[in-house]
Structures are given as structure tokens and as C-alpha cells.
Amino acid sequence: FLFLGLFIGAGLYFQSQGVDYAFYQLPSVIAILP
């Protein structure tokens, strides 16, 4: 749940900021480390 929360949360944040490819800004291999 932590992995999914970080990955999804980052995507939603960058999407709210209007960043292109928002859900790909935080690499999944980094989100899974915590």
C-alpha cells in the first residue's frame, strides 16, 4: 500500500500541477524503495 500510495500520490500531485506524463515523474523503482 505504501508503494502504491507513493506512486499514485506523486502522479496525482504532478497532474494537479499540469505536468506532462504526471504519473511517470516518480519512477516506480524509486517509489518501491520505502
Full PDB file with SEQRES, HELIX, SHEET, SSBOND, CRYST1, ORIGX, SCALE, CONECT and MASTER records, all heavy atoms in Angstrom:
SEQRES   1 A   34  PHE LEU PHE LEU GLY LEU PHE ILE GLY ALA GLY LEU TYR          
SEQRES   2 A   34  PHE GLN SER GLN GLY VAL ASP TYR ALA PHE TYR GLN LEU          
SEQRES   3 A   34  PRO SER VAL ILE ALA ILE LEU PRO                              
HELIX    1 AA1 LEU A    2  SER A   16  1                                  15    
HELIX    2 AA2 ALA A   22  TYR A   24  5                                   3    
HELIX    3 AA3 SER A   28  ALA A   31  1                                   4    
CRYST1    1.000    1.000    1.000  90.00  90.00  90.00 P 1           1          
ORIGX1      1.000000  0.000000  0.000000        0.00000                         
ORIGX2      0.000000  1.000000  0.000000        0.00000                         
ORIGX3      0.000000  0.000000  1.000000        0.00000                         
SCALE1      1.000000  0.000000  0.000000        0.00000                         
SCALE2      0.000000  1.000000  0.000000        0.00000                         
SCALE3      0.000000  0.000000  1.000000        0.00000                         
ATOM      1  N   PHE A   1       0.827  -1.204   0.000  1.00  0.00           N  
ATOM      2  CA  PHE A   1       0.000   0.000   0.000  1.00  0.00           C  
ATOM      3  C   PHE A   1       0.864   1.258   0.000  1.00  0.00           C  
ATOM      4  O   PHE A   1       0.503   2.272  -0.612  1.00  0.00           O  
ATOM      5  CB  PHE A   1      -0.928  -0.002   1.219  1.00  0.00           C  
ATOM      6  CG  PHE A   1      -1.954  -1.091   1.194  1.00  0.00           C  
ATOM      7  CD1 PHE A   1      -2.327  -1.738   2.366  1.00  0.00           C  
ATOM      8  CD2 PHE A   1      -2.547  -1.489   0.009  1.00  0.00           C  
ATOM      9  CE1 PHE A   1      -3.271  -2.753   2.353  1.00  0.00           C  
ATOM     10  CE2 PHE A   1      -3.484  -2.510  -0.023  1.00  0.00           C  
ATOM     11  CZ  PHE A   1      -3.852  -3.138   1.148  1.00  0.00           C  
ATOM     12  N   LEU A   2       1.991   1.205   0.693  1.00  0.00           N  
ATOM     13  CA  LEU A   2       2.907   2.347   0.696  1.00  0.00           C  
ATOM     14  C   LEU A   2       3.444   2.606  -0.704  1.00  0.00           C  
ATOM     15  O   LEU A   2       3.499   3.757  -1.158  1.00  0.00           O  
ATOM     16  CB  LEU A   2       4.059   2.093   1.672  1.00  0.00           C  
ATOM     17  CG  LEU A   2       5.149   3.171   1.722  1.00  0.00           C  
ATOM     18  CD1 LEU A   2       4.558   4.516   2.148  1.00  0.00           C  
ATOM     19  CD2 LEU A   2       6.280   2.760   2.664  1.00  0.00           C  
ATOM     20  N   PHE A   3       3.853   1.538  -1.391  1.00  0.00           N  
ATOM     21  CA  PHE A   3       4.349   1.659  -2.764  1.00  0.00           C  
ATOM     22  C   PHE A   3       3.291   2.283  -3.668  1.00  0.00           C  
ATOM     23  O   PHE A   3       3.554   3.260  -4.383  1.00  0.00           O  
ATOM     24  CB  PHE A   3       4.759   0.276  -3.276  1.00  0.00           C  
ATOM     25  CG  PHE A   3       4.966   0.188  -4.771  1.00  0.00           C  
ATOM     26  CD1 PHE A   3       5.746   1.109  -5.444  1.00  0.00           C  
ATOM     27  CD2 PHE A   3       4.371  -0.834  -5.508  1.00  0.00           C  
ATOM     28  CE1 PHE A   3       5.938   1.026  -6.818  1.00  0.00           C  
ATOM     29  CE2 PHE A   3       4.552  -0.923  -6.871  1.00  0.00           C  
ATOM     30  CZ  PHE A   3       5.329   0.008  -7.529  1.00  0.00           C  
ATOM     31  N   LEU A   4       2.073   1.739  -3.626  1.00  0.00           N  
ATOM     32  CA  LEU A   4       1.006   2.258  -4.481  1.00  0.00           C  
ATOM     33  C   LEU A   4       0.646   3.691  -4.094  1.00  0.00           C  
ATOM     34  O   LEU A   4       0.397   4.537  -4.960  1.00  0.00           O  
ATOM     35  CB  LEU A   4      -0.229   1.359  -4.377  1.00  0.00           C  
ATOM     36  CG  LEU A   4      -0.073  -0.077  -4.889  1.00  0.00           C  
ATOM     37  CD1 LEU A   4      -1.362  -0.861  -4.685  1.00  0.00           C  
ATOM     38  CD2 LEU A   4       0.325  -0.090  -6.358  1.00  0.00           C  
ATOM     39  N   GLY A   5       0.645   3.970  -2.779  1.00  0.00           N  
ATOM     40  CA  GLY A   5       0.319   5.310  -2.320  1.00  0.00           C  
ATOM     41  C   GLY A   5       1.313   6.349  -2.796  1.00  0.00           C  
ATOM     42  O   GLY A   5       0.931   7.446  -3.242  1.00  0.00           O  
ATOM     43  N   LEU A   6       2.590   6.030  -2.713  1.00  0.00           N  
ATOM     44  CA  LEU A   6       3.626   6.959  -3.182  1.00  0.00           C  
ATOM     45  C   LEU A   6       3.530   7.175  -4.691  1.00  0.00           C  
ATOM     46  O   LEU A   6       3.599   8.306  -5.177  1.00  0.00           O  
ATOM     47  CB  LEU A   6       5.015   6.419  -2.816  1.00  0.00           C  
ATOM     48  CG  LEU A   6       5.404   6.485  -1.337  1.00  0.00           C  
ATOM     49  CD1 LEU A   6       6.720   5.749  -1.114  1.00  0.00           C  
ATOM     50  CD2 LEU A   6       5.518   7.939  -0.879  1.00  0.00           C  
ATOM     51  N   PHE A   7       3.370   6.072  -5.422  1.00  0.00           N  
ATOM     52  CA  PHE A   7       3.335   6.143  -6.878  1.00  0.00           C  
ATOM     53  C   PHE A   7       2.113   6.925  -7.362  1.00  0.00           C  
ATOM     54  O   PHE A   7       2.207   7.819  -8.202  1.00  0.00           O  
ATOM     55  CB  PHE A   7       3.337   4.729  -7.452  1.00  0.00           C  
ATOM     56  CG  PHE A   7       3.597   4.659  -8.929  1.00  0.00           C  
ATOM     57  CD1 PHE A   7       4.866   4.905  -9.432  1.00  0.00           C  
ATOM     58  CD2 PHE A   7       2.601   4.344  -9.825  1.00  0.00           C  
ATOM     59  CE1 PHE A   7       5.127   4.844 -10.792  1.00  0.00           C  
ATOM     60  CE2 PHE A   7       2.841   4.275 -11.190  1.00  0.00           C  
ATOM     61  CZ  PHE A   7       4.108   4.523 -11.672  1.00  0.00           C  
ATOM     62  N   ILE A   8       0.948   6.577  -6.790  1.00  0.00           N  
ATOM     63  CA  ILE A   8      -0.290   7.248  -7.200  1.00  0.00           C  
ATOM     64  C   ILE A   8      -0.320   8.691  -6.690  1.00  0.00           C  
ATOM     65  O   ILE A   8      -0.713   9.614  -7.414  1.00  0.00           O  
ATOM     66  CB  ILE A   8      -1.517   6.481  -6.663  1.00  0.00           C  
ATOM     67  CG1 ILE A   8      -1.555   5.066  -7.241  1.00  0.00           C  
ATOM     68  CG2 ILE A   8      -2.809   7.203  -7.009  1.00  0.00           C  
ATOM     69  CD1 ILE A   8      -2.480   4.133  -6.506  1.00  0.00           C  
ATOM     70  N   GLY A   9       0.099   8.868  -5.434  1.00  0.00           N  
ATOM     71  CA  GLY A   9       0.082  10.206  -4.858  1.00  0.00           C  
ATOM     72  C   GLY A   9       0.944  11.181  -5.630  1.00  0.00           C  
ATOM     73  O   GLY A   9       0.544  12.321  -5.891  1.00  0.00           O  
ATOM     74  N   ALA A  10       2.133  10.730  -6.024  1.00  0.00           N  
ATOM     75  CA  ALA A  10       3.016  11.584  -6.815  1.00  0.00           C  
ATOM     76  C   ALA A  10       2.382  11.921  -8.163  1.00  0.00           C  
ATOM     77  O   ALA A  10       2.445  13.064  -8.631  1.00  0.00           O  
ATOM     78  CB  ALA A  10       4.365  10.899  -7.021  1.00  0.00           C  
ATOM     79  N   GLY A  11       1.753  10.928  -8.767  1.00  0.00           N  
ATOM     80  CA  GLY A  11       1.100  11.153 -10.052  1.00  0.00           C  
ATOM     81  C   GLY A  11      -0.021  12.169  -9.957  1.00  0.00           C  
ATOM     82  O   GLY A  11      -0.143  13.066 -10.806  1.00  0.00           O  
ATOM     83  N   LEU A  12      -0.851  12.042  -8.915  1.00  0.00           N  
ATOM     84  CA  LEU A  12      -1.950  12.992  -8.734  1.00  0.00           C  
ATOM     85  C   LEU A  12      -1.421  14.401  -8.454  1.00  0.00           C  
ATOM     86  O   LEU A  12      -1.980  15.388  -8.944  1.00  0.00           O  
ATOM     87  CB  LEU A  12      -2.846  12.523  -7.587  1.00  0.00           C  
ATOM     88  CG  LEU A  12      -3.652  11.243  -7.849  1.00  0.00           C  
ATOM     89  CD1 LEU A  12      -4.376  10.808  -6.580  1.00  0.00           C  
ATOM     90  CD2 LEU A  12      -4.649  11.452  -8.986  1.00  0.00           C  
ATOM     91  N   TYR A  13      -0.341  14.473  -7.678  1.00  0.00           N  
ATOM     92  CA  TYR A  13       0.237  15.792  -7.379  1.00  0.00           C  
ATOM     93  C   TYR A  13       0.743  16.469  -8.652  1.00  0.00           C  
ATOM     94  O   TYR A  13       0.415  17.628  -8.928  1.00  0.00           O  
ATOM     95  CB  TYR A  13       1.378  15.658  -6.369  1.00  0.00           C  
ATOM     96  CG  TYR A  13       2.184  16.931  -6.225  1.00  0.00           C  
ATOM     97  CD1 TYR A  13       1.692  18.003  -5.500  1.00  0.00           C  
ATOM     98  CD2 TYR A  13       3.434  17.056  -6.852  1.00  0.00           C  
ATOM     99  CE1 TYR A  13       2.419  19.191  -5.390  1.00  0.00           C  
ATOM    100  CE2 TYR A  13       4.166  18.224  -6.741  1.00  0.00           C  
ATOM    101  CZ  TYR A  13       3.651  19.291  -6.012  1.00  0.00           C  
ATOM    102  OH  TYR A  13       4.365  20.465  -5.921  1.00  0.00           O  
ATOM    103  N   PHE A  14       1.548  15.747  -9.421  1.00  0.00           N  
ATOM    104  CA  PHE A  14       2.101  16.343 -10.642  1.00  0.00           C  
ATOM    105  C   PHE A  14       1.005  16.637 -11.664  1.00  0.00           C  
ATOM    106  O   PHE A  14       1.104  17.591 -12.435  1.00  0.00           O  
ATOM    107  CB  PHE A  14       3.160  15.417 -11.239  1.00  0.00           C  
ATOM    108  CG  PHE A  14       4.449  15.395 -10.475  1.00  0.00           C  
ATOM    109  CD1 PHE A  14       4.888  14.242  -9.845  1.00  0.00           C  
ATOM    110  CD2 PHE A  14       5.231  16.534 -10.386  1.00  0.00           C  
ATOM    111  CE1 PHE A  14       6.075  14.223  -9.122  1.00  0.00           C  
ATOM    112  CE2 PHE A  14       6.422  16.536  -9.675  1.00  0.00           C  
ATOM    113  CZ  PHE A  14       6.846  15.373  -9.036  1.00  0.00           C  
ATOM    114  N   GLN A  15      -0.046  15.814 -11.649  1.00  0.00           N  
ATOM    115  CA  GLN A  15      -1.175  16.078 -12.543  1.00  0.00           C  
ATOM    116  C   GLN A  15      -1.859  17.387 -12.163  1.00  0.00           C  
ATOM    117  O   GLN A  15      -2.242  18.174 -13.038  1.00  0.00           O  
ATOM    118  CB  GLN A  15      -2.162  14.920 -12.472  1.00  0.00           C  
ATOM    119  CG  GLN A  15      -3.265  14.977 -13.519  1.00  0.00           C  
ATOM    120  CD  GLN A  15      -4.155  13.750 -13.469  1.00  0.00           C  
ATOM    121  OE1 GLN A  15      -4.799  13.472 -12.464  1.00  0.00           O  
ATOM    122  NE2 GLN A  15      -4.196  12.989 -14.551  1.00  0.00           N  
ATOM    123  N   SER A  16      -2.001  17.631 -10.860  1.00  0.00           N  
ATOM    124  CA  SER A  16      -2.620  18.876 -10.402  1.00  0.00           C  
ATOM    125  C   SER A  16      -1.770  20.093 -10.752  1.00  0.00           C  
ATOM    126  O   SER A  16      -2.281  21.210 -10.853  1.00  0.00           O  
ATOM    127  CB  SER A  16      -2.856  18.830  -8.892  1.00  0.00           C  
ATOM    128  OG  SER A  16      -1.625  18.865  -8.180  1.00  0.00           O  
ATOM    129  N   GLN A  17      -0.471  19.864 -10.934  1.00  0.00           N  
ATOM    130  CA  GLN A  17       0.448  20.948 -11.302  1.00  0.00           C  
ATOM    131  C   GLN A  17       0.549  21.129 -12.818  1.00  0.00           C  
ATOM    132  O   GLN A  17       1.279  21.997 -13.297  1.00  0.00           O  
ATOM    133  CB  GLN A  17       1.842  20.667 -10.735  1.00  0.00           C  
ATOM    134  CG  GLN A  17       1.892  20.550  -9.218  1.00  0.00           C  
ATOM    135  CD  GLN A  17       1.443  21.817  -8.514  1.00  0.00           C  
ATOM    136  OE1 GLN A  17       1.932  22.906  -8.812  1.00  0.00           O  
ATOM    137  NE2 GLN A  17       0.498  21.683  -7.591  1.00  0.00           N  
ATOM    138  N   GLY A  18      -0.192  20.304 -13.548  1.00  0.00           N  
ATOM    139  CA  GLY A  18      -0.189  20.405 -15.008  1.00  0.00           C  
ATOM    140  C   GLY A  18       1.059  19.865 -15.671  1.00  0.00           C  
ATOM    141  O   GLY A  18       1.374  20.242 -16.807  1.00  0.00           O  
ATOM    142  N   VAL A  19       1.763  18.980 -14.986  1.00  0.00           N  
ATOM    143  CA  VAL A  19       2.995  18.404 -15.536  1.00  0.00           C  
ATOM    144  C   VAL A  19       2.641  17.297 -16.532  1.00  0.00           C  
ATOM    145  O   VAL A  19       1.771  16.460 -16.260  1.00  0.00           O  
ATOM    146  CB  VAL A  19       3.882  17.828 -14.408  1.00  0.00           C  
ATOM    147  CG1 VAL A  19       5.125  17.167 -14.981  1.00  0.00           C  
ATOM    148  CG2 VAL A  19       4.258  18.937 -13.436  1.00  0.00           C  
ATOM    149  N   ASP A  20       3.286  17.281 -17.688  1.00  0.00           N  
ATOM    150  CA  ASP A  20       3.075  16.222 -18.673  1.00  0.00           C  
ATOM    151  C   ASP A  20       3.558  14.888 -18.116  1.00  0.00           C  
ATOM    152  O   ASP A  20       4.540  14.822 -17.379  1.00  0.00           O  
ATOM    153  CB  ASP A  20       3.829  16.538 -19.971  1.00  0.00           C  
ATOM    154  CG  ASP A  20       3.237  17.729 -20.713  1.00  0.00           C  
ATOM    155  OD1 ASP A  20       2.046  18.019 -20.490  1.00  0.00           O  
ATOM    156  OD2 ASP A  20       3.968  18.367 -21.490  1.00  0.00           O  
ATOM    157  N   TYR A  21       2.843  13.816 -18.503  1.00  0.00           N  
ATOM    158  CA  TYR A  21       3.202  12.460 -18.040  1.00  0.00           C  
ATOM    159  C   TYR A  21       3.355  12.440 -16.508  1.00  0.00           C  
ATOM    160  O   TYR A  21       4.347  11.956 -15.969  1.00  0.00           O  
ATOM    161  CB  TYR A  21       4.479  11.963 -18.708  1.00  0.00           C  
ATOM    162  CG  TYR A  21       4.350  11.818 -20.207  1.00  0.00           C  
ATOM    163  CD1 TYR A  21       4.719  12.847 -21.061  1.00  0.00           C  
ATOM    164  CD2 TYR A  21       3.847  10.640 -20.764  1.00  0.00           C  
ATOM    165  CE1 TYR A  21       4.579  12.724 -22.438  1.00  0.00           C  
ATOM    166  CE2 TYR A  21       3.711  10.502 -22.138  1.00  0.00           C  
ATOM    167  CZ  TYR A  21       4.075  11.552 -22.965  1.00  0.00           C  
ATOM    168  OH  TYR A  21       3.936  11.413 -24.328  1.00  0.00           O  
ATOM    169  N   ALA A  22       2.319  12.974 -15.844  1.00  0.00           N  
ATOM    170  CA  ALA A  22       2.385  13.159 -14.393  1.00  0.00           C  
ATOM    171  C   ALA A  22       2.671  11.869 -13.641  1.00  0.00           C  
ATOM    172  O   ALA A  22       3.434  11.864 -12.667  1.00  0.00           O  
ATOM    173  CB  ALA A  22       1.068  13.772 -13.895  1.00  0.00           C  
ATOM    174  N   PHE A  23       2.070  10.761 -14.086  1.00  0.00           N  
ATOM    175  CA  PHE A  23       2.221   9.507 -13.360  1.00  0.00           C  
ATOM    176  C   PHE A  23       3.558   8.817 -13.647  1.00  0.00           C  
ATOM    177  O   PHE A  23       3.794   7.718 -13.168  1.00  0.00           O  
ATOM    178  CB  PHE A  23       1.062   8.559 -13.684  1.00  0.00           C  
ATOM    179  CG  PHE A  23      -0.208   8.903 -12.949  1.00  0.00           C  
ATOM    180  CD1 PHE A  23      -1.050   9.914 -13.395  1.00  0.00           C  
ATOM    181  CD2 PHE A  23      -0.553   8.226 -11.792  1.00  0.00           C  
ATOM    182  CE1 PHE A  23      -2.206  10.234 -12.713  1.00  0.00           C  
ATOM    183  CE2 PHE A  23      -1.707   8.544 -11.095  1.00  0.00           C  
ATOM    184  CZ  PHE A  23      -2.538   9.551 -11.558  1.00  0.00           C  
ATOM    185  N   TYR A  24       4.404   9.473 -14.414  1.00  0.00           N  
ATOM    186  CA  TYR A  24       5.710   8.894 -14.730  1.00  0.00           C  
ATOM    187  C   TYR A  24       6.860   9.776 -14.220  1.00  0.00           C  
ATOM    188  O   TYR A  24       8.013   9.529 -14.531  1.00  0.00           O  
ATOM    189  CB  TYR A  24       5.835   8.675 -16.242  1.00  0.00           C  
ATOM    190  CG  TYR A  24       4.826   7.660 -16.733  1.00  0.00           C  
ATOM    191  CD1 TYR A  24       3.535   8.058 -17.054  1.00  0.00           C  
ATOM    192  CD2 TYR A  24       5.140   6.311 -16.813  1.00  0.00           C  
ATOM    193  CE1 TYR A  24       2.586   7.129 -17.454  1.00  0.00           C  
ATOM    194  CE2 TYR A  24       4.197   5.371 -17.218  1.00  0.00           C  
ATOM    195  CZ  TYR A  24       2.927   5.794 -17.539  1.00  0.00           C  
ATOM    196  OH  TYR A  24       1.974   4.869 -17.932  1.00  0.00           O  
ATOM    197  N   GLN A  25       6.510  10.790 -13.406  1.00  0.00           N  
ATOM    198  CA  GLN A  25       7.545  11.673 -12.862  1.00  0.00           C  
ATOM    199  C   GLN A  25       8.326  11.004 -11.737  1.00  0.00           C  
ATOM    200  O   GLN A  25       9.529  11.198 -11.603  1.00  0.00           O  
ATOM    201  CB  GLN A  25       6.914  12.979 -12.365  1.00  0.00           C  
ATOM    202  CG  GLN A  25       6.289  13.837 -13.459  1.00  0.00           C  
ATOM    203  CD  GLN A  25       7.280  14.196 -14.549  1.00  0.00           C  
ATOM    204  OE1 GLN A  25       8.348  14.729 -14.269  1.00  0.00           O  
ATOM    205  NE2 GLN A  25       6.938  13.899 -15.796  1.00  0.00           N  
ATOM    206  N   LEU A  26       7.633  10.245 -10.894  1.00  0.00           N  
ATOM    207  CA  LEU A  26       8.315   9.486  -9.844  1.00  0.00           C  
ATOM    208  C   LEU A  26       8.509   8.065 -10.355  1.00  0.00           C  
ATOM    209  O   LEU A  26       7.545   7.303 -10.459  1.00  0.00           O  
ATOM    210  CB  LEU A  26       7.491   9.467  -8.554  1.00  0.00           C  
ATOM    211  CG  LEU A  26       8.076   8.617  -7.408  1.00  0.00           C  
ATOM    212  CD1 LEU A  26       9.414   9.184  -6.951  1.00  0.00           C  
ATOM    213  CD2 LEU A  26       7.097   8.522  -6.245  1.00  0.00           C  
ATOM    214  N   PRO A  27       9.726   7.674 -10.695  1.00  0.00           N  
ATOM    215  CA  PRO A  27       9.950   6.324 -11.228  1.00  0.00           C  
ATOM    216  C   PRO A  27       9.479   5.258 -10.240  1.00  0.00           C  
ATOM    217  O   PRO A  27       9.664   5.392  -9.026  1.00  0.00           O  
ATOM    218  CB  PRO A  27      11.475   6.276 -11.413  1.00  0.00           C  
ATOM    219  CG  PRO A  27      11.890   7.702 -11.543  1.00  0.00           C  
ATOM    220  CD  PRO A  27      10.968   8.466 -10.640  1.00  0.00           C  
ATOM    221  N   SER A  28       8.874   4.217 -10.766  1.00  0.00           N  
ATOM    222  CA  SER A  28       8.347   3.159  -9.913  1.00  0.00           C  
ATOM    223  C   SER A  28       9.449   2.491  -9.095  1.00  0.00           C  
ATOM    224  O   SER A  28       9.214   2.060  -7.961  1.00  0.00           O  
ATOM    225  CB  SER A  28       7.623   2.114 -10.772  1.00  0.00           C  
ATOM    226  OG  SER A  28       8.486   1.605 -11.782  1.00  0.00           O  
ATOM    227  N   VAL A  29      10.659   2.427  -9.656  1.00  0.00           N  
ATOM    228  CA  VAL A  29      11.754   1.767  -8.932  1.00  0.00           C  
ATOM    229  C   VAL A  29      12.209   2.586  -7.724  1.00  0.00           C  
ATOM    230  O   VAL A  29      12.830   2.053  -6.804  1.00  0.00           O  
ATOM    231  CB  VAL A  29      12.955   1.499  -9.872  1.00  0.00           C  
ATOM    232  CG1 VAL A  29      12.582   0.481 -10.931  1.00  0.00           C  
ATOM    233  CG2 VAL A  29      13.447   2.788 -10.516  1.00  0.00           C  
ATOM    234  N   ILE A  30      11.901   3.879  -7.721  1.00  0.00           N  
ATOM    235  CA  ILE A  30      12.199   4.715  -6.559  1.00  0.00           C  
ATOM    236  C   ILE A  30      11.051   4.636  -5.554  1.00  0.00           C  
ATOM    237  O   ILE A  30      11.268   4.546  -4.339  1.00  0.00           O  
ATOM    238  CB  ILE A  30      12.429   6.179  -6.979  1.00  0.00           C  
ATOM    239  CG1 ILE A  30      13.592   6.260  -7.986  1.00  0.00           C  
ATOM    240  CG2 ILE A  30      12.706   7.051  -5.765  1.00  0.00           C  
ATOM    241  CD1 ILE A  30      14.906   5.694  -7.473  1.00  0.00           C  
ATOM    242  N   ALA A  31       9.822   4.627  -6.068  1.00  0.00           N  
ATOM    243  CA  ALA A  31       8.657   4.569  -5.185  1.00  0.00           C  
ATOM    244  C   ALA A  31       8.610   3.286  -4.368  1.00  0.00           C  
ATOM    245  O   ALA A  31       8.053   3.266  -3.265  1.00  0.00           O  
ATOM    246  CB  ALA A  31       7.376   4.702  -6.016  1.00  0.00           C  
ATOM    247  N   ILE A  32       9.196   2.221  -4.878  1.00  0.00           N  
ATOM    248  CA  ILE A  32       9.127   0.936  -4.175  1.00  0.00           C  
ATOM    249  C   ILE A  32      10.185   0.808  -3.071  1.00  0.00           C  
ATOM    250  O   ILE A  32      10.048  -0.031  -2.173  1.00  0.00           O  
ATOM    251  CB  ILE A  32       9.262  -0.237  -5.173  1.00  0.00           C  
ATOM    252  CG1 ILE A  32       8.705  -1.532  -4.553  1.00  0.00           C  
ATOM    253  CG2 ILE A  32      10.705  -0.445  -5.602  1.00  0.00           C  
ATOM    254  CD1 ILE A  32       8.648  -2.688  -5.522  1.00  0.00           C  
ATOM    255  N   LEU A  33      11.214   1.649  -3.081  1.00  0.00           N  
ATOM    256  CA  LEU A  33      12.288   1.522  -2.092  1.00  0.00           C  
ATOM    257  C   LEU A  33      11.801   1.715  -0.651  1.00  0.00           C  
ATOM    258  O   LEU A  33      12.147   0.914   0.230  1.00  0.00           O  
ATOM    259  CB  LEU A  33      13.425   2.493  -2.427  1.00  0.00           C  
ATOM    260  CG  LEU A  33      14.174   2.214  -3.740  1.00  0.00           C  
ATOM    261  CD1 LEU A  33      15.273   3.262  -3.952  1.00  0.00           C  
ATOM    262  CD2 LEU A  33      14.767   0.819  -3.738  1.00  0.00           C  
ATOM    263  N   PRO A  34      11.001   2.763  -0.349  1.00  0.00           N  
ATOM    264  CA  PRO A  34      10.486   2.882   1.021  1.00  0.00           C  
ATOM    265  C   PRO A  34       9.632   1.681   1.427  1.00  0.00           C  
ATOM    266  O   PRO A  34       9.622   1.283   2.604  1.00  0.00           O  
ATOM    267  CB  PRO A  34       9.654   4.166   0.984  1.00  0.00           C  
ATOM    268  CG  PRO A  34      10.223   4.949  -0.152  1.00  0.00           C  
ATOM    269  CD  PRO A  34      10.614   3.922  -1.170  1.00  0.00           C  
TER     270      PRO A  34                                                      
MASTER        0    0    0    3    0    0    0    6  269    1    0    3          
END                                                                             
